[in-house]
Amino acid sequence: MGSVRLPKERIPIIIGKEGLTKKDLEHLGDVRILVDSVDGSVSIDQRGDALKANLAVNAIQAIARGFNPEIAKTLFDDYMQLIIIPLREFAKPGSRRIEEIKGRIIGRDGKTRKVIEDLTSTKISVYGDTVSIIGDYVSVQYSREAISMIIAGKKHRSVYQYLEKRVKEIKFRKIEETFG
């Protein structure tokens, strides 16, 4: 099916206590997961449904990008998705820009990330040189837009106002998505 490279510090999280996280992912995705703790690669062998196997790959990528396994497992719900935004695209090699962007997205004491998560009903992880978002299709789009605004240098207040104005719109679009 495929393989995913993991930062070595995330390998124990994929495996979980007594291998429970790995077993859960194998069961939910109907896959076999092989973890190479030396080079950090995770191989995923499809046993059944290809869609389920793809969702297992997404869940493993989410864990690799800093999400806890319980949040990553929500990707097995039909309406949930993972978006990974590479921050290297917004900074010159060797510059401190990536650290500045990460700091702005997280905010003082995690406030900015929390506000975006709360207003969009998403989960956000800032890990390595990436920002990752888990949520339903509609919410992820608004969360991504808010993060793009922060990356572009917009003031936090402007981002919060943008999201606060869109809360009703987000709810309406979710209902629209549900009932087609």
N, C-alpha and C. Protein backbone atom coordinates (compact mmCIF):
# COMPACT_ATOMS: atom_id res chain seq x y z
N MET A 1 0.84 -1.19 0.00
CA MET A 1 0.00 0.00 0.00
C MET A 1 0.88 1.25 0.00
N GLY A 2 1.78 1.34 0.97
CA GLY A 2 2.64 2.51 1.02
C GLY A 2 3.42 2.58 2.31
N SER A 3 4.18 3.65 2.43
CA SER A 3 4.93 3.83 3.67
C SER A 3 4.97 5.31 4.02
N VAL A 4 5.19 5.56 5.29
CA VAL A 4 5.24 6.91 5.83
C VAL A 4 6.51 7.02 6.65
N ARG A 5 7.23 8.12 6.50
CA ARG A 5 8.41 8.37 7.32
C ARG A 5 7.97 9.11 8.58
N LEU A 6 8.48 8.66 9.69
CA LEU A 6 8.13 9.27 10.97
C LEU A 6 9.36 9.87 11.63
N PRO A 7 9.20 10.99 12.32
CA PRO A 7 10.29 11.42 13.19
C PRO A 7 10.45 10.34 14.27
N LYS A 8 11.67 10.02 14.62
CA LYS A 8 11.92 8.91 15.55
C LYS A 8 11.21 9.09 16.89
N GLU A 9 11.04 10.35 17.33
CA GLU A 9 10.37 10.56 18.61
C GLU A 9 8.87 10.26 18.55
N ARG A 10 8.32 10.10 17.35
CA ARG A 10 6.89 9.79 17.21
C ARG A 10 6.62 8.29 17.11
N ILE A 11 7.67 7.48 16.96
CA ILE A 11 7.49 6.03 16.83
C ILE A 11 6.77 5.43 18.04
N PRO A 12 7.17 5.75 19.28
CA PRO A 12 6.44 5.18 20.42
C PRO A 12 4.97 5.56 20.44
N ILE A 13 4.63 6.71 19.91
CA ILE A 13 3.23 7.15 19.90
C ILE A 13 2.42 6.31 18.91
N ILE A 14 3.02 5.98 17.76
CA ILE A 14 2.34 5.11 16.77
C ILE A 14 2.08 3.73 17.37
N ILE A 15 3.06 3.23 18.11
CA ILE A 15 2.93 1.89 18.68
C ILE A 15 1.96 1.91 19.86
N GLY A 16 2.10 2.87 20.74
CA GLY A 16 1.22 2.98 21.89
C GLY A 16 1.58 2.02 23.00
N LYS A 17 0.91 2.18 24.15
CA LYS A 17 1.15 1.28 25.28
C LYS A 17 0.76 -0.13 24.90
N GLU A 18 1.71 -1.05 25.08
CA GLU A 18 1.49 -2.47 24.78
C GLU A 18 1.01 -2.67 23.35
N GLY A 19 1.35 -1.76 22.45
CA GLY A 19 1.00 -1.90 21.05
C GLY A 19 -0.45 -1.60 20.71
N LEU A 20 -1.18 -1.01 21.65
CA LEU A 20 -2.62 -0.80 21.45
C LEU A 20 -2.96 0.18 20.34
N THR A 21 -2.21 1.26 20.22
CA THR A 21 -2.50 2.24 19.17
C THR A 21 -2.31 1.60 17.80
N LYS A 22 -1.22 0.88 17.64
CA LYS A 22 -0.94 0.20 16.36
C LYS A 22 -2.06 -0.80 16.05
N LYS A 23 -2.47 -1.57 17.05
CA LYS A 23 -3.55 -2.56 16.85
C LYS A 23 -4.85 -1.87 16.46
N ASP A 24 -5.17 -0.75 17.13
CA ASP A 24 -6.39 0.00 16.78
C ASP A 24 -6.35 0.47 15.34
N LEU A 25 -5.21 1.05 14.93
CA LEU A 25 -5.08 1.53 13.56
C LEU A 25 -5.19 0.38 12.56
N GLU A 26 -4.59 -0.76 12.89
CA GLU A 26 -4.68 -1.93 12.00
C GLU A 26 -6.12 -2.39 11.87
N HIS A 27 -6.84 -2.40 12.99
CA HIS A 27 -8.24 -2.83 12.98
C HIS A 27 -9.12 -1.85 12.21
N LEU A 28 -9.00 -0.57 12.53
CA LEU A 28 -9.82 0.45 11.87
C LEU A 28 -9.57 0.53 10.37
N GLY A 29 -8.31 0.37 9.97
CA GLY A 29 -7.95 0.51 8.55
C GLY A 29 -7.88 -0.80 7.79
N ASP A 30 -8.10 -1.91 8.51
CA ASP A 30 -7.98 -3.24 7.90
C ASP A 30 -6.65 -3.36 7.16
N VAL A 31 -5.56 -3.04 7.89
CA VAL A 31 -4.21 -3.05 7.33
C VAL A 31 -3.27 -3.76 8.30
N ARG A 32 -2.08 -4.02 7.81
CA ARG A 32 -0.99 -4.51 8.66
C ARG A 32 0.06 -3.41 8.68
N ILE A 33 0.49 -3.03 9.87
CA ILE A 33 1.45 -1.94 10.01
C ILE A 33 2.77 -2.50 10.52
N LEU A 34 3.84 -2.19 9.79
CA LEU A 34 5.19 -2.60 10.18
C LEU A 34 6.00 -1.35 10.47
N VAL A 35 6.53 -1.26 11.69
CA VAL A 35 7.28 -0.08 12.11
C VAL A 35 8.76 -0.43 12.19
N ASP A 36 9.58 0.31 11.46
CA ASP A 36 11.04 0.16 11.54
C ASP A 36 11.55 1.29 12.43
N SER A 37 11.85 0.94 13.67
CA SER A 37 12.26 1.98 14.63
C SER A 37 13.68 2.48 14.39
N VAL A 38 14.44 1.82 13.52
CA VAL A 38 15.80 2.27 13.22
C VAL A 38 15.77 3.48 12.29
N ASP A 39 15.03 3.37 11.17
CA ASP A 39 15.02 4.48 10.21
C ASP A 39 13.73 5.31 10.25
N GLY A 40 12.78 4.93 11.09
CA GLY A 40 11.56 5.71 11.25
C GLY A 40 10.53 5.51 10.16
N SER A 41 10.64 4.41 9.41
CA SER A 41 9.65 4.18 8.35
C SER A 41 8.54 3.27 8.86
N VAL A 42 7.34 3.54 8.40
CA VAL A 42 6.17 2.73 8.73
C VAL A 42 5.59 2.24 7.42
N SER A 43 5.53 0.91 7.26
CA SER A 43 4.95 0.32 6.06
C SER A 43 3.52 -0.09 6.36
N ILE A 44 2.64 0.19 5.43
CA ILE A 44 1.23 -0.14 5.58
C ILE A 44 0.86 -1.11 4.48
N ASP A 45 0.44 -2.32 4.87
CA ASP A 45 0.02 -3.34 3.90
C ASP A 45 -1.49 -3.46 3.95
N GLN A 46 -2.11 -3.23 2.81
CA GLN A 46 -3.57 -3.29 2.69
C GLN A 46 -4.03 -4.74 2.76
N ARG A 47 -5.05 -5.00 3.58
CA ARG A 47 -5.63 -6.34 3.65
C ARG A 47 -7.03 -6.36 3.04
N GLY A 48 -7.73 -5.26 3.17
CA GLY A 48 -9.12 -5.22 2.69
C GLY A 48 -9.39 -4.00 1.85
N ASP A 49 -10.36 -3.23 2.27
CA ASP A 49 -10.85 -2.05 1.57
C ASP A 49 -9.73 -1.00 1.40
N ALA A 50 -9.52 -0.57 0.16
CA ALA A 50 -8.47 0.40 -0.15
C ALA A 50 -8.75 1.76 0.50
N LEU A 51 -10.01 2.15 0.60
CA LEU A 51 -10.35 3.43 1.23
C LEU A 51 -9.97 3.42 2.71
N LYS A 52 -10.30 2.33 3.40
CA LYS A 52 -9.93 2.21 4.81
C LYS A 52 -8.41 2.26 4.98
N ALA A 53 -7.70 1.59 4.08
CA ALA A 53 -6.23 1.58 4.15
C ALA A 53 -5.68 2.99 3.96
N ASN A 54 -6.28 3.74 3.05
CA ASN A 54 -5.85 5.12 2.83
C ASN A 54 -6.11 5.99 4.06
N LEU A 55 -7.22 5.72 4.74
CA LEU A 55 -7.52 6.45 5.97
C LEU A 55 -6.50 6.11 7.06
N ALA A 56 -6.03 4.86 7.08
CA ALA A 56 -4.99 4.46 8.04
C ALA A 56 -3.70 5.23 7.76
N VAL A 57 -3.36 5.38 6.48
CA VAL A 57 -2.17 6.16 6.10
C VAL A 57 -2.33 7.60 6.60
N ASN A 58 -3.51 8.18 6.39
CA ASN A 58 -3.76 9.56 6.85
C ASN A 58 -3.62 9.67 8.37
N ALA A 59 -4.15 8.68 9.10
CA ALA A 59 -4.06 8.71 10.56
C ALA A 59 -2.60 8.62 11.01
N ILE A 60 -1.81 7.79 10.35
CA ILE A 60 -0.39 7.67 10.69
C ILE A 60 0.34 8.97 10.37
N GLN A 61 0.01 9.59 9.24
CA GLN A 61 0.60 10.89 8.92
C GLN A 61 0.24 11.93 9.98
N ALA A 62 -1.00 11.90 10.44
CA ALA A 62 -1.43 12.85 11.47
C ALA A 62 -0.63 12.67 12.76
N ILE A 63 -0.42 11.42 13.16
CA ILE A 63 0.38 11.15 14.36
C ILE A 63 1.81 11.62 14.13
N ALA A 64 2.33 11.37 12.94
CA ALA A 64 3.69 11.82 12.60
C ALA A 64 3.81 13.33 12.66
N ARG A 65 2.74 14.04 12.39
CA ARG A 65 2.74 15.51 12.39
C ARG A 65 2.35 16.10 13.74
N GLY A 66 2.30 15.27 14.79
CA GLY A 66 2.14 15.79 16.14
C GLY A 66 0.79 15.59 16.80
N PHE A 67 -0.19 15.04 16.11
CA PHE A 67 -1.49 14.82 16.74
C PHE A 67 -1.43 13.61 17.66
N ASN A 68 -2.24 13.62 18.71
CA ASN A 68 -2.31 12.43 19.53
C ASN A 68 -3.17 11.40 18.80
N PRO A 69 -2.98 10.11 19.09
CA PRO A 69 -3.68 9.06 18.35
C PRO A 69 -5.20 9.16 18.37
N GLU A 70 -5.78 9.62 19.48
CA GLU A 70 -7.24 9.70 19.54
C GLU A 70 -7.77 10.71 18.52
N ILE A 71 -7.10 11.83 18.38
CA ILE A 71 -7.51 12.82 17.38
C ILE A 71 -7.27 12.26 15.98
N ALA A 72 -6.14 11.60 15.77
CA ALA A 72 -5.82 11.02 14.46
C ALA A 72 -6.86 9.98 14.04
N LYS A 73 -7.38 9.23 14.99
CA LYS A 73 -8.37 8.19 14.68
C LYS A 73 -9.69 8.78 14.18
N THR A 74 -9.94 10.06 14.47
CA THR A 74 -11.17 10.68 13.96
C THR A 74 -11.15 10.75 12.43
N LEU A 75 -9.98 10.59 11.82
CA LEU A 75 -9.88 10.61 10.36
C LEU A 75 -10.59 9.42 9.72
N PHE A 76 -10.93 8.40 10.51
CA PHE A 76 -11.68 7.27 9.97
C PHE A 76 -13.15 7.60 9.79
N ASP A 77 -13.61 8.73 10.34
CA ASP A 77 -14.97 9.19 10.08
C ASP A 77 -15.03 9.73 8.66
N ASP A 78 -16.11 9.44 7.97
CA ASP A 78 -16.24 9.79 6.55
C ASP A 78 -16.02 11.27 6.25
N TYR A 79 -16.45 12.13 7.12
CA TYR A 79 -16.45 13.56 6.82
C TYR A 79 -15.19 14.29 7.30
N MET A 80 -14.25 13.59 7.91
CA MET A 80 -13.05 14.23 8.44
C MET A 80 -11.90 14.17 7.45
N GLN A 81 -11.03 15.18 7.51
CA GLN A 81 -9.86 15.19 6.62
C GLN A 81 -8.67 15.83 7.30
N LEU A 82 -7.50 15.54 6.74
CA LEU A 82 -6.23 16.06 7.23
C LEU A 82 -5.62 16.94 6.15
N ILE A 83 -5.18 18.13 6.55
CA ILE A 83 -4.45 19.01 5.65
C ILE A 83 -3.12 19.32 6.31
N ILE A 84 -2.04 19.18 5.55
CA ILE A 84 -0.71 19.50 6.05
C ILE A 84 -0.17 20.67 5.24
N ILE A 85 0.21 21.73 5.94
CA ILE A 85 0.74 22.93 5.29
C ILE A 85 2.24 22.99 5.56
N PRO A 86 3.08 22.81 4.53
CA PRO A 86 4.53 22.91 4.74
C PRO A 86 4.95 24.37 4.85
N LEU A 87 5.59 24.72 5.94
CA LEU A 87 5.97 26.11 6.18
C LEU A 87 7.23 26.52 5.42
N ARG A 88 7.99 25.57 4.92
CA ARG A 88 9.21 25.90 4.17
C ARG A 88 8.90 26.71 2.92
N GLU A 89 7.69 26.58 2.41
CA GLU A 89 7.30 27.34 1.22
C GLU A 89 7.25 28.85 1.50
N PHE A 90 7.20 29.22 2.77
CA PHE A 90 7.02 30.62 3.14
C PHE A 90 8.28 31.25 3.72
N ALA A 91 9.39 30.53 3.66
CA ALA A 91 10.63 31.04 4.26
C ALA A 91 11.84 30.66 3.43
N LYS A 92 12.84 31.50 3.46
CA LYS A 92 14.10 31.19 2.79
C LYS A 92 14.86 30.18 3.64
N PRO A 93 15.61 29.29 3.00
CA PRO A 93 16.41 28.33 3.78
C PRO A 93 17.37 29.05 4.73
N GLY A 94 17.42 28.57 5.96
CA GLY A 94 18.33 29.16 6.94
C GLY A 94 17.80 30.38 7.67
N SER A 95 16.63 30.87 7.27
CA SER A 95 16.08 32.05 7.95
C SER A 95 15.29 31.62 9.18
N ARG A 96 15.00 32.58 10.04
CA ARG A 96 14.21 32.30 11.24
C ARG A 96 12.71 32.47 10.98
N ARG A 97 12.35 32.68 9.75
CA ARG A 97 10.95 32.94 9.40
C ARG A 97 10.02 31.80 9.82
N ILE A 98 10.47 30.55 9.67
CA ILE A 98 9.61 29.43 10.05
C ILE A 98 9.28 29.49 11.54
N GLU A 99 10.27 29.78 12.36
CA GLU A 99 10.04 29.88 13.81
C GLU A 99 9.08 31.03 14.11
N GLU A 100 9.21 32.14 13.40
CA GLU A 100 8.30 33.28 13.59
C GLU A 100 6.87 32.89 13.23
N ILE A 101 6.72 32.21 12.10
CA ILE A 101 5.38 31.79 11.66
C ILE A 101 4.76 30.84 12.68
N LYS A 102 5.55 29.86 13.12
CA LYS A 102 5.04 28.91 14.11
C LYS A 102 4.62 29.63 15.39
N GLY A 103 5.43 30.58 15.82
CA GLY A 103 5.10 31.35 17.01
C GLY A 103 3.82 32.15 16.85
N ARG A 104 3.62 32.72 15.68
CA ARG A 104 2.40 33.50 15.42
C ARG A 104 1.17 32.60 15.38
N ILE A 105 1.31 31.40 14.79
CA ILE A 105 0.17 30.48 14.72
C ILE A 105 -0.21 29.97 16.10
N ILE A 106 0.79 29.64 16.90
CA ILE A 106 0.51 29.15 18.25
C ILE A 106 0.00 30.29 19.13
N GLY A 107 0.65 31.44 19.05
CA GLY A 107 0.25 32.58 19.86
C GLY A 107 0.76 32.47 21.29
N ARG A 108 0.58 33.53 22.04
CA ARG A 108 1.02 33.54 23.44
C ARG A 108 0.20 32.53 24.23
N ASP A 109 0.89 31.61 24.89
CA ASP A 109 0.26 30.55 25.69
C ASP A 109 -0.73 29.71 24.88
N GLY A 110 -0.53 29.62 23.58
CA GLY A 110 -1.38 28.79 22.73
C GLY A 110 -2.72 29.42 22.38
N LYS A 111 -2.87 30.72 22.65
CA LYS A 111 -4.17 31.38 22.47
C LYS A 111 -4.64 31.38 21.02
N THR A 112 -3.76 31.72 20.09
CA THR A 112 -4.19 31.84 18.70
C THR A 112 -4.67 30.50 18.16
N ARG A 113 -3.88 29.47 18.40
CA ARG A 113 -4.28 28.13 17.95
C ARG A 113 -5.62 27.75 18.56
N LYS A 114 -5.79 28.01 19.86
CA LYS A 114 -7.03 27.65 20.56
C LYS A 114 -8.23 28.40 19.99
N VAL A 115 -8.07 29.68 19.71
CA VAL A 115 -9.17 30.47 19.15
C VAL A 115 -9.58 29.91 17.78
N ILE A 116 -8.60 29.61 16.93
CA ILE A 116 -8.91 29.06 15.60
C ILE A 116 -9.60 27.71 15.75
N GLU A 117 -9.07 26.86 16.64
CA GLU A 117 -9.68 25.54 16.85
C GLU A 117 -11.12 25.69 17.34
N ASP A 118 -11.34 26.56 18.30
CA ASP A 118 -12.68 26.73 18.88
C ASP A 118 -13.68 27.29 17.87
N LEU A 119 -13.28 28.31 17.12
CA LEU A 119 -14.21 28.94 16.19
C LEU A 119 -14.49 28.09 14.95
N THR A 120 -13.56 27.21 14.59
CA THR A 120 -13.75 26.39 13.38
C THR A 120 -14.04 24.93 13.68
N SER A 121 -14.02 24.54 14.95
CA SER A 121 -14.22 23.13 15.34
C SER A 121 -13.21 22.21 14.66
N THR A 122 -11.95 22.64 14.64
CA THR A 122 -10.88 21.83 14.08
C THR A 122 -9.84 21.57 15.16
N LYS A 123 -8.88 20.72 14.83
CA LYS A 123 -7.71 20.49 15.68
C LYS A 123 -6.49 20.89 14.86
N ILE A 124 -5.55 21.60 15.49
CA ILE A 124 -4.37 22.10 14.80
C ILE A 124 -3.13 21.61 15.52
N SER A 125 -2.15 21.15 14.75
CA SER A 125 -0.86 20.75 15.30
C SER A 125 0.24 21.52 14.57
N VAL A 126 1.11 22.15 15.34
CA VAL A 126 2.28 22.83 14.78
C VAL A 126 3.46 21.96 15.19
N TYR A 127 4.07 21.29 14.20
CA TYR A 127 5.12 20.31 14.50
C TYR A 127 6.17 20.35 13.39
N GLY A 128 7.43 20.41 13.79
CA GLY A 128 8.49 20.48 12.79
C GLY A 128 8.31 21.72 11.94
N ASP A 129 8.37 21.54 10.64
CA ASP A 129 8.19 22.66 9.70
C ASP A 129 6.82 22.63 9.05
N THR A 130 5.82 22.10 9.77
CA THR A 130 4.47 22.01 9.21
C THR A 130 3.42 22.48 10.20
N VAL A 131 2.28 22.83 9.64
CA VAL A 131 1.06 23.06 10.42
C VAL A 131 0.04 22.11 9.83
N SER A 132 -0.61 21.33 10.69
CA SER A 132 -1.59 20.35 10.21
C SER A 132 -2.94 20.64 10.85
N ILE A 133 -3.99 20.36 10.08
CA ILE A 133 -5.35 20.62 10.52
C ILE A 133 -6.18 19.36 10.31
N ILE A 134 -6.97 19.00 11.32
CA ILE A 134 -7.94 17.91 11.19
C ILE A 134 -9.31 18.50 11.48
N GLY A 135 -10.26 18.20 10.60
CA GLY A 135 -11.63 18.65 10.79
C GLY A 135 -12.48 18.23 9.61
N ASP A 136 -13.75 18.62 9.65
CA ASP A 136 -14.60 18.32 8.50
C ASP A 136 -14.23 19.27 7.36
N TYR A 137 -14.70 18.94 6.17
CA TYR A 137 -14.30 19.67 4.96
C TYR A 137 -14.50 21.18 5.09
N VAL A 138 -15.66 21.60 5.55
CA VAL A 138 -15.98 23.03 5.64
C VAL A 138 -15.08 23.72 6.66
N SER A 139 -14.99 23.15 7.85
CA SER A 139 -14.20 23.77 8.93
C SER A 139 -12.73 23.89 8.58
N VAL A 140 -12.20 22.87 7.92
CA VAL A 140 -10.78 22.88 7.55
C VAL A 140 -10.49 24.03 6.60
N GLN A 141 -11.41 24.34 5.70
CA GLN A 141 -11.19 25.43 4.75
C GLN A 141 -11.07 26.78 5.47
N TYR A 142 -11.94 27.01 6.45
CA TYR A 142 -11.88 28.27 7.21
C TYR A 142 -10.64 28.33 8.09
N SER A 143 -10.30 27.21 8.70
CA SER A 143 -9.10 27.14 9.53
C SER A 143 -7.85 27.40 8.69
N ARG A 144 -7.80 26.80 7.51
CA ARG A 144 -6.67 27.00 6.60
C ARG A 144 -6.57 28.48 6.19
N GLU A 145 -7.70 29.09 5.90
CA GLU A 145 -7.70 30.51 5.52
C GLU A 145 -7.18 31.38 6.66
N ALA A 146 -7.60 31.09 7.89
CA ALA A 146 -7.12 31.86 9.04
C ALA A 146 -5.61 31.70 9.21
N ILE A 147 -5.11 30.48 9.04
CA ILE A 147 -3.67 30.24 9.15
C ILE A 147 -2.93 30.94 8.01
N SER A 148 -3.50 30.93 6.82
CA SER A 148 -2.88 31.64 5.69
C SER A 148 -2.79 33.14 5.97
N MET A 149 -3.82 33.69 6.60
CA MET A 149 -3.81 35.11 6.95
C MET A 149 -2.68 35.40 7.95
N ILE A 150 -2.50 34.51 8.91
CA ILE A 150 -1.43 34.70 9.90
C ILE A 150 -0.07 34.60 9.23
N ILE A 151 0.10 33.63 8.35
CA ILE A 151 1.37 33.47 7.62
C ILE A 151 1.66 34.72 6.80
N ALA A 152 0.61 35.30 6.21
CA ALA A 152 0.77 36.50 5.37
C ALA A 152 1.07 37.75 6.20
N GLY A 153 1.00 37.62 7.53
CA GLY A 153 1.36 38.75 8.38
C GLY A 153 0.19 39.58 8.88
N LYS A 154 -1.04 39.11 8.64
CA LYS A 154 -2.21 39.85 9.14
C LYS A 154 -2.17 39.88 10.67
N LYS A 155 -2.77 40.91 11.24
CA LYS A 155 -2.84 41.03 12.69
C LYS A 155 -3.77 39.95 13.23
N HIS A 156 -3.44 39.47 14.43
CA HIS A 156 -4.27 38.43 15.04
C HIS A 156 -5.71 38.90 15.20
N ARG A 157 -5.89 40.14 15.58
CA ARG A 157 -7.24 40.68 15.75
C ARG A 157 -8.04 40.56 14.46
N SER A 158 -7.40 40.83 13.32
CA SER A 158 -8.08 40.73 12.02
C SER A 158 -8.50 39.29 11.74
N VAL A 159 -7.63 38.35 12.10
CA VAL A 159 -7.93 36.92 11.89
C VAL A 159 -9.10 36.51 12.77
N TYR A 160 -9.09 36.92 14.03
CA TYR A 160 -10.19 36.58 14.94
C TYR A 160 -11.51 37.17 14.44
N GLN A 161 -11.47 38.42 13.98
CA GLN A 161 -12.68 39.06 13.46
C GLN A 161 -13.19 38.32 12.23
N TYR A 162 -12.28 37.92 11.34
CA TYR A 162 -12.65 37.15 10.15
C TYR A 162 -13.41 35.90 10.57
N LEU A 163 -12.85 35.16 11.53
CA LEU A 163 -13.48 33.91 11.95
C LEU A 163 -14.80 34.15 12.68
N GLU A 164 -14.84 35.16 13.54
CA GLU A 164 -16.07 35.44 14.28
C GLU A 164 -17.21 35.81 13.34
N LYS A 165 -16.90 36.53 12.27
CA LYS A 165 -17.92 36.88 11.27
C LYS A 165 -18.39 35.65 10.50
N ARG A 166 -17.54 34.62 10.44
CA ARG A 166 -17.85 33.45 9.62
C ARG A 166 -18.47 32.29 10.41
N VAL A 167 -18.60 32.42 11.72
CA VAL A 167 -19.09 31.30 12.54
C VAL A 167 -20.46 30.82 12.05
N LYS A 168 -21.40 31.74 11.83
CA LYS A 168 -22.73 31.34 11.35
C LYS A 168 -22.63 30.72 9.96
N GLU A 169 -21.79 31.30 9.11
CA GLU A 169 -21.59 30.78 7.76
C GLU A 169 -21.04 29.35 7.81
N ILE A 170 -20.10 29.12 8.71
CA ILE A 170 -19.52 27.78 8.87
C ILE A 170 -20.61 26.79 9.26
N LYS A 171 -21.42 27.15 10.25
CA LYS A 171 -22.50 26.27 10.70
C LYS A 171 -23.50 26.00 9.58
N PHE A 172 -23.86 27.05 8.83
CA PHE A 172 -24.81 26.90 7.73
C PHE A 172 -24.25 25.97 6.66
N ARG A 173 -22.97 26.17 6.30
CA ARG A 173 -22.35 25.33 5.26
C ARG A 173 -22.24 23.88 5.71
N LYS A 174 -22.02 23.65 7.01
CA LYS A 174 -21.97 22.28 7.52
C LYS A 174 -23.32 21.60 7.37
N ILE A 175 -24.38 22.34 7.70
CA ILE A 175 -25.74 21.80 7.55
C ILE A 175 -26.01 21.51 6.09
N GLU A 176 -25.62 22.44 5.23
CA GLU A 176 -25.79 22.27 3.79
C GLU A 176 -25.07 21.02 3.29
N GLU A 177 -23.83 20.81 3.75
CA GLU A 177 -23.04 19.63 3.37
C GLU A 177 -23.73 18.35 3.83
N THR A 178 -24.30 18.39 5.04
CA THR A 178 -24.93 17.21 5.61
C THR A 178 -26.17 16.80 4.82
N PHE A 179 -26.99 17.78 4.47
CA PHE A 179 -28.26 17.47 3.82
C PHE A 179 -28.24 17.65 2.31
N GLY A 180 -27.07 18.01 1.78
CA GLY A 180 -26.87 18.07 0.35
C GLY A 180 -27.58 19.13 -0.33
